[in-house]
Protein backbone atom coordinates (compact mmCIF):
# COMPACT_ATOMS: atom_id res chain seq x y z
CA MET A 1 95.53 73.75 82.40
CA THR A 2 99.06 72.78 81.41
CA VAL A 3 101.69 75.38 82.17
CA ARG A 4 104.74 74.46 80.14
CA PRO A 5 108.33 75.66 80.55
CA ASP A 6 109.49 78.24 78.05
CA ASP A 7 112.60 77.23 76.15
CA ARG A 8 113.37 80.84 75.26
CA ALA A 9 115.84 82.43 77.66
CA ASP A 10 113.90 85.66 77.99
CA ALA A 11 110.32 84.35 77.80
CA GLY A 12 108.96 86.65 75.15
CA TRP A 13 111.42 89.54 75.13
CA LYS A 14 113.56 89.35 72.00
CA ILE A 15 116.80 91.15 72.79
CA ASP A 16 119.20 92.54 70.21
CA PRO A 17 122.63 92.27 71.88
CA GLY A 18 124.06 94.85 69.49
CA ARG A 19 121.48 97.51 70.38
CA PHE A 20 120.49 96.64 73.94
CA VAL A 21 121.13 99.39 76.48
CA ARG A 22 120.54 98.93 80.21
CA PHE A 23 117.97 101.26 81.70
CA SER A 24 118.63 104.18 84.02
CA GLN A 25 116.15 104.81 86.82
CA VAL A 26 116.60 108.52 86.12
CA ASP A 27 114.60 107.98 82.89
CA ASP A 28 111.63 106.31 84.58
CA VAL A 29 108.65 108.48 83.70
CA PHE A 30 107.72 109.05 87.35
CA ASN A 31 111.21 110.36 88.07
CA ARG A 32 111.23 112.40 84.87
CA SER A 33 108.17 114.24 86.20
CA TRP A 34 110.55 115.83 88.75
CA TRP A 35 113.29 116.96 86.37
CA ASP A 36 112.12 116.75 82.75
CA GLU A 37 110.01 119.65 81.52
CA ARG A 38 108.57 117.39 78.82
CA VAL A 39 106.77 115.48 81.58
CA ARG A 40 106.67 117.86 84.55
CA SER A 41 103.58 120.04 84.82
CA PRO A 42 101.24 121.58 87.41
CA GLU A 43 99.10 118.45 86.99
CA THR A 44 101.97 116.09 87.87
CA GLU A 45 102.84 118.22 90.90
CA ARG A 46 99.21 118.12 92.03
CA PHE A 47 99.18 114.35 91.45
CA PHE A 48 102.04 113.71 93.89
CA GLU A 49 100.77 116.27 96.39
CA SER A 50 97.37 114.56 96.48
CA TYR A 51 98.96 111.52 98.14
CA ARG A 52 100.04 113.66 101.09
CA LYS A 53 96.97 115.84 101.34
CA PRO A 54 93.75 114.20 100.13
CA LEU A 55 91.94 116.43 97.68
CA VAL A 56 88.80 117.98 99.17
CA ASP A 57 85.91 117.87 96.74
CA TRP A 58 88.38 118.10 93.86
CA LYS A 59 85.92 116.49 91.54
CA LYS A 60 82.26 115.81 92.14
CA ALA A 61 82.42 112.49 90.36
CA ARG A 62 82.05 108.95 91.57
CA GLY A 63 85.35 107.52 92.67
CA PHE A 64 87.04 110.91 93.07
CA ARG A 65 85.44 112.23 96.24
CA ARG A 66 87.10 112.91 99.53
CA LYS A 67 86.38 109.50 101.07
CA ASP A 68 87.75 107.78 97.95
CA TYR A 69 91.02 109.70 98.23
CA ALA A 70 91.04 109.14 102.00
CA LEU A 71 90.98 105.39 101.44
CA ARG A 72 93.55 105.52 98.66
CA ASN A 73 96.02 107.47 100.79
CA ALA A 74 95.41 105.23 103.81
CA ALA A 75 96.22 102.20 101.68
CA TRP A 76 99.52 103.81 100.68
CA HIS A 77 100.42 104.69 104.27
CA GLY A 78 102.41 101.52 104.99
CA ALA A 79 104.64 101.88 101.92
CA ASP A 80 104.97 105.63 102.51
CA ILE A 81 106.31 105.14 106.06
CA PHE A 82 109.30 103.23 104.72
CA ALA A 83 109.72 105.47 101.68
CA GLU A 84 109.97 108.57 103.87
CA LEU A 85 111.88 107.02 106.77
CA LYS A 86 115.36 108.00 105.54
CA GLU A 87 114.66 110.83 103.12
CA ALA A 88 117.14 112.99 105.03
CA GLU A 89 119.82 110.51 103.89
CA ASP A 90 118.69 110.86 100.26
CA ARG A 91 116.97 107.47 100.39
CA ARG A 92 113.42 106.80 99.25
CA GLU A 93 113.26 103.16 100.20
CA GLY A 94 111.24 100.80 98.10
CA PHE A 95 110.96 103.23 95.20
CA LEU A 96 114.42 104.70 94.64
CA ASP A 97 116.53 102.66 97.07
CA PRO A 98 116.47 99.14 98.59
CA LEU A 99 114.67 98.58 101.89
CA SER A 100 117.10 98.57 104.80
CA VAL A 101 115.09 98.16 108.02
CA LEU A 102 116.51 94.76 108.96
CA ARG A 103 118.12 93.34 112.09
CA ASP A 104 121.67 92.06 112.21
CA ALA A 105 121.96 88.29 112.33
CA SER A 106 124.61 85.59 112.66
CA ASP A 107 127.24 85.35 109.92
CA GLU A 108 127.34 81.58 110.37
CA LYS A 109 125.55 80.08 107.37
CA LEU A 110 123.18 77.20 107.88
CA ASP A 111 123.81 74.31 105.49
CA MET A 112 120.72 74.40 103.25
CA GLY A 113 121.33 70.99 101.67
CA ASP A 114 119.83 70.27 98.25
CA PRO A 115 119.09 73.56 96.40
CA THR A 116 115.76 72.28 95.06
CA GLU A 117 114.57 71.30 98.53
CA ALA A 118 115.88 74.60 99.91
CA ALA A 119 113.84 76.47 97.29
CA GLU A 120 110.68 74.60 98.30
CA GLU A 121 111.31 75.42 101.96
CA LEU A 122 111.84 79.07 101.11
CA LYS A 123 108.59 79.21 99.12
CA GLN A 124 106.67 77.66 102.00
CA VAL A 125 108.12 80.23 104.39
CA ALA A 126 107.36 83.08 101.99
CA SER A 127 103.78 81.90 101.57
CA THR A 128 103.38 81.64 105.34
CA LEU A 129 104.67 85.20 105.70
CA GLY A 130 102.04 86.49 103.27
CA ALA A 131 103.42 86.16 99.74
CA ASP A 132 100.77 85.25 97.16
CA LEU A 133 103.34 84.23 94.54
CA VAL A 134 107.01 83.28 94.81
CA GLY A 135 109.55 82.45 92.10
CA ILE A 136 113.32 82.36 91.94
CA ALA A 137 115.53 83.64 89.13
CA GLU A 138 119.23 83.91 88.49
CA ALA A 139 120.59 87.44 88.89
CA ASP A 140 120.99 89.14 85.52
CA GLU A 141 122.95 92.38 85.25
CA ARG A 142 120.92 93.48 82.22
CA TRP A 143 117.93 94.27 84.42
CA LEU A 144 119.83 96.25 87.05
CA TYR A 145 119.41 100.00 86.71
CA THR A 146 122.64 101.58 85.53
CA GLU A 147 122.06 104.23 88.20
CA ARG A 148 119.47 105.26 90.75
CA TYR A 149 117.62 108.54 90.83
CA SER A 150 118.39 111.02 93.61
CA ARG A 151 115.64 113.46 94.49
CA GLN A 152 118.04 115.61 96.49
CA ALA A 153 120.58 115.89 93.69
CA ASP A 154 117.84 115.83 91.05
CA GLY A 155 120.00 113.45 89.08
CA ALA A 156 121.83 110.13 89.13
CA LYS A 157 123.56 108.30 91.96
CA PRO A 158 125.30 104.88 92.03
CA ASN A 159 123.34 101.62 92.07
CA PRO A 160 125.73 99.09 93.60
CA MET A 161 124.87 95.39 93.75
CA ASP A 162 127.27 92.67 94.88
CA PRO A 163 127.58 90.07 92.08
CA ASP A 164 127.81 87.36 94.76
CA LEU A 165 124.08 87.93 95.36
CA ASP A 166 123.32 85.64 92.46
CA ARG A 167 119.72 84.69 93.25
CA VAL A 168 116.64 86.90 92.97
CA ILE A 169 113.51 85.88 94.86
CA VAL A 170 110.48 87.44 93.19
CA VAL A 171 107.41 87.96 95.36
CA GLY A 172 103.94 88.80 94.05
CA GLN A 173 101.04 90.31 95.97
CA ALA A 174 97.58 90.03 94.44
CA MET A 175 95.45 93.18 94.25
CA ASP A 176 91.90 93.72 95.45
CA SER A 177 89.91 93.24 92.26
CA SER A 178 86.72 94.74 93.73
CA LEU A 179 88.61 98.04 93.88
CA ILE A 180 90.14 97.56 90.43
CA ALA A 181 86.64 96.98 89.05
CA THR A 182 85.96 100.71 89.66
CA ALA A 183 88.91 101.89 87.53
CA PRO A 184 89.61 104.61 86.71
CA SER A 185 89.05 106.02 90.20
CA ALA A 186 90.85 106.94 93.39
CA LEU A 187 89.34 103.75 94.80
CA ALA A 188 91.26 101.72 92.24
CA GLY A 189 94.36 103.58 93.40
CA ALA A 190 93.72 102.15 96.86
CA ALA A 191 94.33 98.67 95.43
CA THR A 192 97.72 99.85 94.21
CA GLY A 193 98.70 101.37 97.54
CA LEU A 194 97.53 98.35 99.49
CA GLY A 195 99.57 96.07 97.22
CA TYR A 196 102.72 98.11 97.81
CA SER A 197 102.14 98.38 101.57
CA GLN A 198 101.66 94.62 101.88
CA ASP A 199 104.63 93.89 99.61
CA VAL A 200 107.01 95.97 101.73
CA ILE A 201 106.19 94.06 104.91
CA VAL A 202 106.36 90.66 103.21
CA LEU A 203 109.71 91.46 101.55
CA LEU A 204 111.19 92.58 104.87
CA MET A 205 110.00 89.47 106.71
CA ILE A 206 111.35 87.08 104.06
CA SER A 207 114.64 88.98 103.99
CA GLN A 208 114.96 88.79 107.76
CA TYR A 209 114.35 85.05 107.62
CA ILE A 210 117.18 84.68 105.09
CA ARG A 211 119.49 86.81 107.25
CA ASN A 212 118.61 84.67 110.27
CA LEU A 213 119.96 81.68 108.33
CA GLY A 214 123.31 83.46 107.93
CA TYR A 215 122.86 84.64 104.33
CA ARG A 216 122.56 88.10 102.85
CA ALA A 217 119.34 89.59 101.55
CA VAL A 218 118.63 92.93 99.86
CA PRO A 219 114.85 93.57 99.59
CA THR A 220 113.79 95.82 96.72
CA LEU A 221 110.41 97.00 95.45
CA ASN A 222 110.40 99.31 92.41
CA ASP A 223 114.00 100.29 93.05
CA THR A 224 117.33 98.77 91.97
CA ALA A 225 116.15 96.65 89.01
CA LEU A 226 113.30 96.09 86.57
CA ALA A 227 110.77 93.78 88.20
CA ILE A 228 108.93 92.56 85.10
CA PRO A 229 111.78 90.62 83.41
CA TYR A 230 112.69 89.06 86.75
CA ALA A 231 109.09 87.95 87.35
CA ILE A 232 109.05 86.38 83.89
CA LYS A 233 112.42 84.65 84.40
CA ALA A 234 111.21 83.39 87.80
CA GLY A 235 108.35 81.55 86.12
CA LEU A 236 105.53 83.64 87.57
CA GLY A 237 103.85 84.59 84.31
CA GLU A 238 104.02 85.82 80.74
CA TYR A 239 104.41 89.31 79.32
CA GLY A 240 101.18 90.96 78.12
CA ARG A 241 100.27 93.58 75.55
CA HIS A 242 99.66 96.12 78.33
CA GLY A 243 103.27 95.84 79.46
CA LEU A 244 102.50 93.83 82.59
CA VAL A 245 103.13 90.26 83.71
CA ILE A 246 100.04 88.06 83.42
CA THR A 247 100.08 85.23 85.97
CA PRO A 248 98.00 82.03 85.86
CA GLU A 249 96.71 82.70 89.37
CA HIS A 250 95.83 86.41 89.37
CA GLY A 251 96.18 87.70 85.85
CA ALA A 252 98.04 91.02 85.81
CA ASN A 253 96.56 92.17 89.11
CA VAL A 254 99.85 91.67 90.95
CA ARG A 255 102.55 93.86 92.50
CA PHE A 256 106.05 92.43 92.41
CA GLY A 257 108.98 92.84 94.76
CA LYS A 258 112.46 91.30 94.62
CA ILE A 259 115.08 90.06 97.06
CA PHE A 260 118.71 89.75 95.97
CA THR A 261 120.43 87.03 97.99
CA ASP A 262 123.27 84.51 98.15
CA LEU A 263 120.97 81.83 99.58
CA PRO A 264 121.81 78.62 97.62
CA VAL A 265 118.41 77.79 96.10
CA ALA A 266 117.40 76.33 92.74
CA ILE A 267 115.99 78.69 90.11
CA ASP A 268 112.66 78.37 88.33
CA ALA A 269 112.10 78.29 84.57
CA PRO A 270 109.97 80.74 82.57
CA ILE A 271 106.52 79.41 81.68
CA ARG A 272 104.02 79.69 78.87
CA PHE A 273 100.26 79.20 79.05
CA GLY A 274 98.95 80.98 75.98
CA VAL A 275 99.25 84.66 76.94
CA GLU A 276 101.37 85.68 73.97
CA GLU A 277 98.94 84.04 71.56
CA MET A 278 95.90 85.55 73.31
CA CYS A 279 97.40 89.04 73.40
CA GLY A 280 98.12 88.65 69.69
CA ILE A 281 94.38 88.57 68.93
CA CYS A 282 93.00 90.56 71.88
CA ARG A 283 92.92 94.35 71.86
CA ALA A 284 90.89 94.86 75.05
CA CYS A 285 93.57 96.92 76.80
CA SER A 286 94.64 98.99 73.81
CA ASP A 287 91.03 99.68 72.80
CA ALA A 288 90.05 100.75 76.32
CA CYS A 289 93.17 102.73 77.21
CA PRO A 290 92.02 106.33 77.86
CA SER A 291 95.39 107.74 76.76
CA SER A 292 95.98 105.46 73.73
CA ALA A 293 99.28 104.50 75.34
CA ILE A 294 99.07 100.74 74.67
CA PRO A 295 100.14 99.42 71.25
CA ASP A 296 97.55 97.65 69.10
CA GLY A 297 100.04 96.16 66.65
CA ALA A 298 102.69 93.47 66.81
CA PRO A 299 105.63 93.58 69.25
CA SER A 300 108.22 96.11 68.10
CA ASP A 301 111.59 97.53 69.04
CA ALA A 302 110.34 101.08 68.40
CA LEU A 303 110.77 103.56 71.24
CA HIS A 304 108.07 106.01 72.30
CA ASN A 305 110.54 108.06 74.37
CA VAL A 306 113.46 107.67 76.79
CA SER A 307 111.20 105.88 79.28
CA ASN A 308 111.38 102.74 77.11
CA ILE A 309 114.26 100.30 77.19
CA GLU A 310 116.32 100.15 74.00
CA GLY A 311 117.18 97.07 71.98
CA VAL A 312 114.19 94.91 72.99
CA THR A 313 111.34 93.74 70.76
CA LYS A 314 108.12 93.63 72.78
CA TRP A 315 104.87 95.47 73.38
CA SER A 316 105.92 98.80 74.91
CA VAL A 317 103.63 101.30 76.60
CA ASP A 318 103.99 105.05 75.99
CA GLY A 319 104.79 106.10 79.54
CA GLU A 320 104.43 109.81 78.87
CA ALA A 321 100.88 109.40 77.58
CA CYS A 322 99.95 106.94 80.33
CA PHE A 323 101.30 108.99 83.22
CA GLY A 324 99.86 112.16 81.69
CA TYR A 325 96.41 110.63 82.10
CA TRP A 326 97.21 109.58 85.68
CA ALA A 327 98.12 113.17 86.47
CA LYS A 328 94.97 114.43 84.79
CA ILE A 329 92.66 112.27 86.94
CA ASN A 330 94.84 112.47 90.07
CA SER A 331 95.17 108.73 90.51
CA ASP A 332 96.65 105.75 88.74
CA CYS A 333 94.41 104.41 86.00
CA SER A 334 94.31 100.56 85.92
CA VAL A 335 91.70 100.40 83.16
CA CYS A 336 93.97 97.97 81.26
CA ILE A 337 93.85 95.59 84.22
CA ARG A 338 90.08 95.82 84.58
CA VAL A 339 89.41 94.96 80.95
CA CYS A 340 92.12 92.29 80.56
CA PRO A 341 90.38 88.92 80.07
CA TYR A 342 92.80 87.29 82.53
CA THR A 343 91.52 89.51 85.36
CA ARG A 344 89.23 86.99 86.99
CA ASP A 345 88.93 84.96 90.18
CA MET A 346 90.84 81.79 89.34
CA SER A 347 89.61 80.07 92.51
CA ARG A 348 86.26 79.63 90.72
CA ARG A 349 85.90 76.53 88.57
CA ARG A 350 84.36 78.28 85.60
CA ASN A 351 87.26 80.75 85.46
CA ARG A 352 89.81 77.95 85.59
CA TRP A 353 87.90 76.33 82.73
CA TRP A 354 88.12 79.63 80.80
CA LEU A 355 91.87 79.77 81.43
CA ARG A 356 92.34 76.29 80.01
CA LEU A 357 90.23 77.20 76.97
CA SER A 358 92.25 80.37 76.41
CA ALA A 359 95.43 78.31 76.03
CA THR A 360 94.02 76.21 73.18
CA ARG A 361 93.24 76.80 69.51
CA PHE A 362 89.78 77.84 70.72
CA ARG A 363 91.14 81.02 72.31
CA ARG A 364 88.95 83.18 70.05
CA LEU A 365 85.93 81.47 71.57
CA ALA A 366 87.34 82.17 75.05
CA LEU A 367 87.76 85.82 74.10
CA TRP A 368 84.21 86.01 72.72
CA LEU A 369 82.83 84.44 75.91
CA ASP A 370 84.73 86.95 78.02
CA ARG A 371 83.34 89.89 76.07
CA ARG A 372 79.81 88.52 76.28
CA SER A 373 80.04 87.97 80.03
CA GLY A 374 80.26 91.64 81.05
CA ARG A 375 83.07 90.68 83.43
CA SER A 376 85.11 93.75 82.53
CA ASP A 377 82.29 96.28 82.94
CA ARG A 378 83.19 99.17 85.21
CA VAL A 379 81.55 99.06 88.66
CA SER A 380 80.29 102.40 89.94
CA SER A 381 82.50 103.64 92.76
CA ASN A 382 79.38 104.64 94.67
CA ASP A 383 78.29 101.02 94.54
CA TRP A 384 81.60 99.82 95.99
CA TRP A 385 80.80 101.48 99.31
CA PRO A 386 78.56 99.55 101.76
CA THR A 387 75.64 101.89 101.21
CA ALA A 388 74.55 103.14 97.81
CA ALA A 389 72.82 106.47 97.27
CA ASP A 390 69.54 105.03 98.54
CA GLY A 391 71.20 103.30 101.48
CA ALA A 392 71.04 99.79 100.02
CA VAL A 393 73.65 97.60 98.38
CA PRO A 394 72.36 96.49 94.97
CA VAL A 395 71.95 92.75 94.53
CA GLU A 396 74.01 92.77 91.34
CA LEU A 397 76.92 94.40 93.19
CA ARG A 398 76.81 91.82 95.96
CA SER A 399 77.12 89.06 93.37
CA ARG A 400 79.88 90.97 91.55
CA ARG A 401 81.83 91.36 94.77
CA THR A 402 81.64 87.66 95.37
CA GLU A 403 82.85 87.06 91.83
CA THR A 404 85.86 89.36 92.08
CA THR A 405 87.12 88.97 95.62
CA GLN A 406 90.46 87.38 94.70
CA GLY A 407 92.15 89.68 92.40
CA GLU A 408 94.27 90.46 89.53
CA VAL A 409 96.65 95.01 88.44
CA GLY A 410 99.89 96.11 88.44
CA HIS A 411 102.59 98.45 87.64
CA ALA A 412 106.04 97.25 88.31
CA GLY A 413 107.41 99.31 85.54
CA PRO A 414 105.14 98.87 82.49
CA PHE A 415 106.76 101.82 80.73
CA GLN A 416 110.13 100.13 80.32
């Protein structure tokens, strides 16, 4: 498959300079569930509480039993440790504030030589430290939050970022697609938590490496800036109808983190490999969305609510409807990722062949083949566990697990 550079500066997001307004983290729908009565409800409170105290027999349904929630919460444990480490200082690191658990290092900067070669070295290091995807973008103030959200103050607080940190390293962690195949379920939520927990550690290790070279590094997860436009600008993928970045390697089943740095490395260019054209004819995510939150029409600058960014023409998800469903089922949904035709194991030859076909004028054939394959069918959460109800693992599940071991989900801010 040929992945070609995108000659458009924003790789699919058409921005109206006269109407564009930077986004405030206070208006993120997850944060609004703490202060905005239009979003806050007993269901949203129960949703957040369930991550601290697994629900006991909340629902006698596959994928929502105690062991499913136990696994989901265990997967989140790594990210939660850092998020809660400095809550007394009004910091929720990785979600509302940058990660800060880093050692001091020498201020003497190592000469990195040619920026292109330095970028290749950095990517090799990042891959060695566990990153599945790495791209580099130029810092862009438009994607910085105008302010952070403070849980203690229940309002805004400053979001400082030194303009000298002019490079943004975008790191992607692939999700476990065998878990995503059970969506919607608490098991699918375990894929989300595991992605965040892995991302935190990888971001911290890469940042410490940069600091050890004498340069500055500010690792961020969902905090500080919008991840999706940075991932697009860093050449990691294209924007999809479901509001997520679709990558050639893992589809949309990716969690993104970012590192702001002054390390002198070359930037990557946005890419195109047929996603915009495929999403233009595919309605898999919008048809399957349980909350009807995903648009089925053309990209638009219309706003659903304050959780959308203003002055941008794109496919925008209705965050209130989406998160309302999450709260209702007590776990994140991920159905849009499961049904997306790009959610497939690209290490398999036949899936790479499908990806090439999808980028041609025969993309309708590729879409028809995907729908005929049954690839997106939901896997019973009971069947995910080693023993099914009768104590045996069905043959069809064993083959499905082999098919979907390397994965593709994500939320890095689909509501913006």
